[in-house]
Structures are given as C-alpha cells and as structure tokens.
Amino acid sequence: MATVAGCLDIAGATTDAKNAFVDYCSQRGHKVPENWFNKSLWLYKKKGRSPYQFRKFESTVRVHVPFVLNKAEIVNFQKTYDLYYSNLDRSVYYGGICLGYWLVVFTICGLVNWSKFLFPDIFKKLNNPVTNFWRKYISLPAMFHKKKLEQQNILQKFGFLIPSRLESLIVFIFYTMVSVFHTIDADSIPNEKKYNSPFLSRVRIISDRAAIVSTMMMPLIFMFATRNNILQWISGINYGTFVGYHRHTARIMFSLILLHAVGFSVIFGNYFLYMLKESYLKWGLGAITAGGIIMVQSTLYFRRRWYEVFLVGHIILVATWTVGALFHVRSRGYAPFIYPSIAVWLMDRIIRGCRVLLFGFPKAEVSLFSDDTLKVIVSRPKYWKVGSGGGKYAFVYFLKPNWFWQSHPFTIVESIEDPQKIVLFCKVKNGITGSLNLFLNSFPGKSAKINVAIEGPYGNPTPARYADTAVFIAGGNGISGVFSELLHAYTKQTNSQQRLKLIWVIREWKSLFWFYDELHHLKKTNIETTIYITRPNDDNDSTETEKLTMASKKLNGGLIETIKSDLHIDFREYRPVIKNVITEEIEEATRSIAFVCCANHSMVDEIRYQCARNINSNKRVDFYEQIQTFALVFLLVMFLRPLKTYFVKPVRCYSNVREVNRPFTNYGILPYFQRKINSLINPNSESNVLPTPIQTWMLKTLIEKKANIIVRDPMSTGKSTVVLLHALNKSLKKQPRKVKDCEQKLEIDIDSIILVPTDAMVEKYHTHCEKLVSPLPDCVPHELIKHEDGSETITRVPLTVQFISKNNTTTKEVSTGESSSPQVIVTTLSKLCDMYTQTPAMFQNVKFFAIDQLDFFMKGVDMDGDSLIIKNQKGKYKNMLLELLRGLNDRVQFCFISNPPHPHVKVLNEMFLEKEADELSNMDKKIRYVKDPELFELTNIIKRPFEVKHPLSMFTPINPPIDAFFVTCNNGKVRDFQNMFNLPSLDEVKQFMEYFVDHNSSLKNYAKKYHSQKKHKSDAHYVNLIKSITKKFTEKYPEEEEVTVIVPNYVDITKLTKIVTDKVHILPVSQFLASTTTTTTSSNYIIAGIDTLMHQTALSGAEVDGQMNMGVIEPYADLFHVYMWKVLSISKHPPKVVFALDNHGADTARMSQILAFNNISNFLRINKFT
C-alpha cells in the first residue's frame, strides 16, 4: 500500500483515486483502514527504496519495502492511461451527439409536420422566395432528376433506391458527422507507454471510439425498423422513410464495427490467433460475420428476388449479431447499450401480437378481380376508428395451412354499404398474394370465405385536406390508397369554397368494376372526379361484368354508356400527360393546392417532379405521396416457420420453377416417342434425350398449362419437333366415343392442323414424321363393340398424317397401316383454304392448330415466300388466314411460331404516331398495333389469351466477328462505302430517324411519293455489279470455296448465267427466304442491292401502285433481316459478307434502311474491300 500511496502522491492523490483503490481491494476481499493513505505515505517516504539502492535487484524477486519509482515515468504512465480512458469518455459523448442529431432531426420534422395540421393557415401563406427555394430544391425533389421510388440499376442487374434530396442531405450530414468524430482528438502523446508506437496508439483510440459509437447506435437502428415506432408519430415521417434511415445507419454501424475489428487485428499483430482463444473475441467475430452477411443479403437485388429467404435470414442474422455483440461487450461494461435494442424489438413484437389477438380471427370474404386486385371484406372491431383519417393500411394474415405464417400489407377503405365492416385492397404480386390468385381462380366467381388475422391499422393522413384545392391522383390499384383520405377530407370539410378532385388513371373499363360501389358513392358528394382509360377498347371480362351488374341494379343498355351516365364522372379515353395535368390544376387553384398520389413508382416520381417545377408560382404547391416503399412483409411468429416445413406441403408455382433434367415423357409425351428420339439423337446412350430450353417451355405451356402460345425465338432449334409431337400425341391419346348400338363405326376427325408457308417446310415435316411414326402399331380408336355380357371391345385404325404441298399433285402420307382419313394435316395456306371451302365440316373437331412462320402470312407473303405485291394483292392471304381462324371452334389450342419484329420498325412507327397523332382517330389502338401487330390482330380475332415467348436477345452474338464489307459499284469500279466504317450507335440511329421524321411533313406520304417515283435498276446493272464484286472477291480470297449472291426478285436470273460458276451461286431473295438454313450455311455471301432488299419492294416483280403505302407500317425488310442473321449466326465457319449498295447510299430513305443493319454491326468486323 505504501508503494501505491507514493504513486498517488506523485500523480495526484484525489479523493476519487483513493476511493478507487479502496474499492479495488474490497472486491478482492481485503479491508483497507480509514487512515491508510497518510500512514502508507509516511512509510513510503521513510523506508522506500529505488532499484538502484538494492545491492542486487532482480525484477522477479519479491521486495518487502516500499518501492520508489521514477517520477517522470509515473507521469508518463498517468498521461498514457488518461489518454485511453478519456477517449472512452469522449466516445460516449460523441455517440450521444450522434443520437442527439437524430433527436434534433425528428424534432424539427415533428414541429413542421404537426404545424401543418395545427396551424394550416400559416403554412398556406409560406410562399416566399426563401421557403420556395427550400421546398423546390431541397425538401421536395428526388436526389437526381426524377427517380426516387423507381428502382435504378448498376451493371443492369443490381438495383438500388436513392432517397429524396432532403433525406439524402440528412443522411449525408450524419455520415460526415460520424467521419469527423473519428478523425478529431485521435492523436497520441509523447512517451506513450502502452504501445510505445504513435501509430498503434492512434489505431487503439479510433478502434475504441468506433466500437462505442456503433454500440450506442444499435437501439436507434432497431427502432427505425419497427412498425410500432413512436418516432413515426412524433416526427410525422412515414414508415418507408424510417426503413431507409434504418438501412443507412446500419451501414454506418457495420462500417465502424469493421474499423474496430481491423484496428484490433493490427494491434494484436502476431498474437492475433493466440488472442482468439478469448471467448469475448469469439463472440465478436461471430457478430461481425453475421453483420457482413446482413450487408450483402439486404441489398435490393436479393430482397426483390428472394424476399422470404431474406426476411427469415435477416431475423436469424440480427439475433446472432445481437447476442454476439452482447457477450463481446459485457465484460467491458457496455451491455446497457445493447439491452435497449432487445427491449425495442421485444416491445414491437408484443404490440404486434396484441393487435392481432385484439382483432380476432374472423371469416372474411376474399375476392379476386381481373385487374389483379384482391379485395377483402371483414367485420371491424369496435376499437378500430378508421374513419378518423385516411392513408391507413394493415397487414393481413390468411389462416390457411400454407399461408398462416405470412402477411401482406393491404390499404384500408371504409365499407360504403356497411359501416361495421372494412374493405381492404392490394395488388396481386408474388408470395402470398400470388398463391391467393391461384387459389381463388378455382372458385366460382373467384371469391371465397377465409379466416384472417389483421395487424393494424398503420399510417396517417396527409395535411392535404387543409389546402384550398386538394387533388388526389391514383394509378391502377393505388385508388384505394387515396380514396379513404379523400372521403375523410370531404367529411371534415369546413370551407365551402374548398375544391376536392380525384384523378384515376386505369388501363381498361373493367378496372372500374372492383371499385364501382365506392365510385358510385361519390355521386352524393361535390368531389370532382376524372378517370383516364388508357386502353378503352380492350374486352371486358364477363365475370366482372356480372359482378358489376349484381352490384348496381340500375344498369340497362350498353354497359359503358350506362357506367358513364350512372356515375356522373368525367371519363377520358386516352393517356394523360402528367405535366399538363399538374399545370392545369395549379392554374385553376386559388391560393394553395396540394397533390396526394398513390400510383406506380414512375408516375409518383413524375408527379413529384412536376410539382417541384411549379413551386415558384404565386400559389402554395404541396406534394404528398401515400405509397410505402417497403417490400412484401412476412412473419406472424417466427418459431412457427419450422413447423410449417414439417407439416405443410409447399405450393409449387410453375412460373418460378426452373425446369431441369425433365425428359419428354414427363410432359405427357408418349414413351414411344421418347425412345424414338433417343435412338435418333443419341443411339449409344441409355439415358433419355432431354428437351432444349425452348422445347421445355413449349411442352410445359402447351401440355401442362394447356395455353395458347406464340414463340418468337428464331435462334433456338427444335420448335417444329414439339409442334409435330404435340399434334401426334393428341391423336394417340384420343378416347373413343361410346355408342348405344352394339356396333358402330366411329368417325375419324381431323385432330390437328399444321400450317406452313412453303413446300420446302412441308417436306421438312414429312421427313421428321417418317422417322417418328412409321413403326407405330395401330392405335387410333375406330370401332366400339358392346357385347351381350356387357363387355366392350375397341378396334383401332392406323394413325395417318397427310402432307399436302402447293405444287405437288400427289399427297404424301405417313401411316402405321392402310391409308385412311387423316388425323393430322401439314399443308400450305392455299390448299388448306381449298379444303375449308369444300368441306368445312372436317374442321369442326380440330383440337390443335399450329402455324410455323406466322410472320410470312401476316406480312402478305404467300406459300412459297413470293410477295403478293406482284399481283397487287397485298393482304389477300393474310385475310384468308384470319377468316379461317374465325371459323374454328372455341376449343382449339393455338401454337404460332414467328420471328421477332425488327426493332427499328417499332422506333419508326412510334415516331410516325407521334408525328401524326392528330390524324389518328383511335390513338391507343394504333399504339398497341405498333407494339405488336401480330398479337394485336390475333387476339382481336381469336379473343383468347396467349403466352408469348421472347428470346432474351433478338440476335445471338457471333464470336469471332464476321468479316463484312460495304461497297458501291459505278461504271464497273468497286469502291468502299466510307460511311459504313463508323456505324452509329442505336441512340444515334434513333436521332437520325427523328431528324428524318422532323424534316418531312408526313413520313407516310414521303414513303408513298418515294416508292411511286422509284425506278428499278436494270439487269445489266446487276450483271456488272456482281461480276465486278465476285472478281474482286476471288482475287482477295482465292482459298474460299463458294459464294452465294442474293438479288432482288425482279432481276432476270437467266441474264446472270454468264457469271454463274461452280463457286458462284445466285438466288432471288424469295428463294433465299424459302430455303432451309442448312443448305446455305457453308457459303460466303454477296448481298446485291442491300438498300433495295431492305425495302418492302424488295420482293416485288412488277411496277408499284403509287396509291399504296409501301413500307412504313409493315415493311418486309425484317423478314430478310432476321433470316439473314439466322443464317450468319449458325454458320459452322463464319462467312464473309459483302453488302453491295446499288444506289451509292446517297438517298436519305435508303440510308435509313441500311442503318437497320446496325443491329448486327456489333458482331460485324467491317473491313476495306478495295
């Protein structure tokens, strides 16, 4: 004690220091006398000895006299421990300041938001330059341009959201504050005695501070994430914003913990592994590992794709983090900072559980509407006061074995018919709502009674009701998010001059049906209502029409006209321009106007942007969003999840299941065909041949889903095989019709029709069928004989498939026995139309109708690929086909194989529509036609839904790139076309097209005029062109075996015979399009007249009618373009291609068509030819 007293005397014997020594001894069972210090100090001064006063001093030998230390060393040690212990105190202060910063933020937000409710008149007058500047540039807009709610992407896969500019500023200040706190007061002192290293000293200071500040932030982070957060009520900030703050503060906390861990790893140095034996370090290591996983799995990319997995993992990892952190800091005395975090989490769960129990588990009426809307009607408990304000939502649990552990947010609307009930709405998505969608579709009327549990209500109304004009804007299902607040504003209306308006944007008329009663209620109010229908001509679902008719008995006559007269609502059948809507409403407002919106994210962002732009007007403009950016929320009680795993069979959703290693037989194809395919493709293997990805999709959709399909994937092979297999399968699985007579011959009907454009394709199907069908036994039902003893016998006839070509007089058959009536027919359109005209009864029982290469028919190309423009009969065969489709029965399943439309056609058509919008009577119909002409026409005729398969990319990349040349020929001299050495990007092409449209009063009229004045190049021109290029090509590449020359149809091939050799083959474009790709894949190519071939007139062999529209809406160029690309991409040896221009590329219209090949320019290596 004397030695301690001496040290205290030198360092400063304060009362706290003396008491600390007494407490230290007491904790170890030693009692210290009251006057210990004076006696010990006297003994120290009387008998104390320094190391130099010992005859033989050894540090390991115990001494029995007071030990005198060097005074300077004592001071240095004292300063060293002051440095580190004072840093601990400062760290607590800095952590407190960080918490205080958020307290200040929420206090200011609370004062502002609550003042809007308590003192609305004062805020309506705050329209001065200072407040306008703050609101226009800081508090209202998105961080960058428009996007706040709409997802942004990096590397095209990883999505993220950027908070608003004000929220970003708040977060940025916090980031800066935390960073500054870890750079100030972090210097070491001279003669530091703990590490004897200024660098390690600074590392220890920063590491300790990072740990303490991050630990103090934990309760705040937990509170930000809870649903029952008192800070939401205090500040008036919505839950979505708090979740955003939760993510950013959690990232800061983890960064500090990572800094703490790295710092101590540096300090431990070579002793790191030895120190890991300490239990508190093991707990810390486990916690930081869990935190690192949280940082990765909580990104938007994982949340959006696997939210259920994210949520379960997030809770487990957070629990691991919390427990690890608690045991890591407990021995250091910082556990009190962890306990509030646990308390916040437990309190939130208890409150949520109490809410669910108080609501009870009533039976609700759950309905599904065709607009992907779920509607839940349930009795309301007495304690619920939904009418006290709009903007409410609740989490609904559906008490079914597969779903009881999940919940989903629904917006709340008071029931119009029964005040004792509430109505909840939400849009069908994935997860629980997707399962409900499948479940309700199996019920009549798509409605069922289900027991539910409801947690809520949450959310608050906006101050919009205090504005002189309040405009509530909704998009689609968002109407439920603003309707209740709109009615609340109407019931609380104190100013008779106040103007309330509702704007709802929907796609079709049927979107009104699920909200019809609520809209009908608006007749009793002075609320102005405008509804925009963007697709007014889409068919209305009959089920929804029946529901509407039952809901409103006043309906008579035409449905839509009745709706218009019944609701007294301003209906507008076009897509609104948000900029114009906002501007017009502000102009009509008096002093102040508030916009409240709940719509899709891009629409909300656009409204916010336009409101911010108009803040400088002489009227107060406010914007409020009633949309929460939280993802789907699951979990009732987390410990119930393991029980579900053992006792509940999961629901399989085919749309989310990746089909792997399923043979043909697993899709219902007969085992015989699987064995036959095995022997043809892989005869030496005992394993089953598996379908390709495109075949898998077709089999699953045609057989399992029994859906109609359109396949647009020109690069994938095997589509025709699936069509043939499905047709054969339908006949082989056909059940006989039972008859009462003892013996009756069954009629053999045509089960399937496969329509193809060319005789070559008929032959291709014939070849495939011969390989698959020939050895089959008799299998199709023929006669059913009922015997006297009650037994039945079925005799069967051979399966017969007929192949009928346009130009072949003999009909080919593939049959398992004697020829009989065909069950499957493969033919061209003209032959099929003849059969349909002569014996339409043959088609009454057709079960499957397939068209291979649909786009040939839809673009006016006949059975052999020849253009019908030759006879001025454009559209004749297309109309014949559509007429045939109209005559088929309603039970036919359709399968259409087509090529994707040329991408530049869509660009041109869209600009054409924008340019000539005033000339069009039905704008929305035209737009839908432009986007997908084939699907538009087919669905208008067949009136059934189609599932469409688009390829991931229109063109398959080619590696290595193909050598390409763009040349012109004048007076026998071949020159490179210099403009092609720097092909423009897609954006530049679009700019070029826009320039082209802007500088021509009418693109359509320009095209007509151009084509009417167009003169065909002479045959002599093509003789000189091909001769010059082939000569140069042979000189340049003498080792190449052959080259195929493609010329327009009107060129007389017989005049080109002089230049035809063993290595040079000439094909008219019609023969090229009709040929099979396997017959041309070894050639190099010379495209003679690429600018002519890229026109609609490329296939024409006669003069063009000047009155015809020759190429704006339906150019044939995409047929040539897609087929050419297919040939190039599947070539075994990458060919060399010469693109020869027959008009020097000078004409603007021709140049725009050449640029269409820019789509493949990324895979062309453009070289000089001369």
Foldseek 3Di string as FASTA:
>chain_A
DLQVLQLCVLQPVDPVVVVVVQVVQVVVPDHADPPNNVVSPVQCVPWEDEQVPDPDDDPVDDDDGHYDDDSVVSNLAVVLVCLQVVLLVVLLVLLVVLVVLVVVVLQVLLVVQVCCVVPVVVVQPPQDPVVLCCCLPAVFAACPFFFALDWDDDPVQFTDGGHRRNLVVSLVVSVVSVVVSLPPSQFDDPPNDPQNDRVLSSLSSSLSSLLSSLLLCLLVLLLLQFQPHVSCVRNVDDSQSSVVVSLSSLVSSLVSLVSNVVSVCVVCPPCVVVVCVDPLVVLSVQLNVLSVVLNVCVGPSNCVPPVVVNVLSNVVSVVSNLVSSLSNCVVVPSNVSSVSSVVSVVVSLVLQLVQQVVQPWDKWKWAAAPLQKIKTKDFGDPVDDPLVAALKKKWKFWPDLQTRFWTFIWGWAQDPVDNRMIMTMDGQDDDPSVVLQVVQVVDVLSMDITTMTIGDTDGGHGSQLSFLEEEEEEEQRQCSSCLSRLVSSQVPDDDPSRAAEYEYEYAEPLSCLVVVVSLLVCVVGRYAYEYEHAHHPDDHDPSSVVSSCVVDVPDDDDDVVSSCVRRVHHYHHHDDDLLVVVVVVVVPGDAEYEYEYGYPSSVLSVNSSSQSVPSSDNHHYYYHYSDRSDDTGGGSDSVCVVVSVPPPDHDDDVVPDDDDDDAPVVLPQDVLQQVLVCCVPPVVDPDTDHDDPVLVVVSCCCRVVVAAAEEAAVQDDDPVVSVVSVLVSCQLPDDDDDDPDQKDWGDQAAAEEEEEQALVVLVVVVVVCQSRFAQDAFGGWTMWGQDPVGDIDTDGGKAKEWRDEDPDPDIDIRINDDDDDHRYYYYYQVVVLVCCVVCVVRQANYAEYEYEAVVCQVAQAGSLLFHPLQVPCRNVSNVSVLVVLLSHDLNHHYYYYHHDFQVVLLLLQVLLCVLPVVVDPNSSLSNVCSVPVVVSSVCVRSVGDYHYHDDPDNADFDPPFAAEFEWEADPLDIFGLVVVVDFDDPVVLSVLSNVVPVVDNHPQLVQLVCQLPDDDDALVLLLSVVVSQVVLVCVVCVPQQAAEEEAFQQHDVVVNVVVDDNRYHYDYVSNLLNDDLVVPLRHAYEYAAQLCLLWQCSSHNDRGDSVDRTHNRRRPNRSVVSSVSSSQRPRPDRHYYYYYHHPSCPDSSSVSSVSSCVVCVVRYDYDTSD
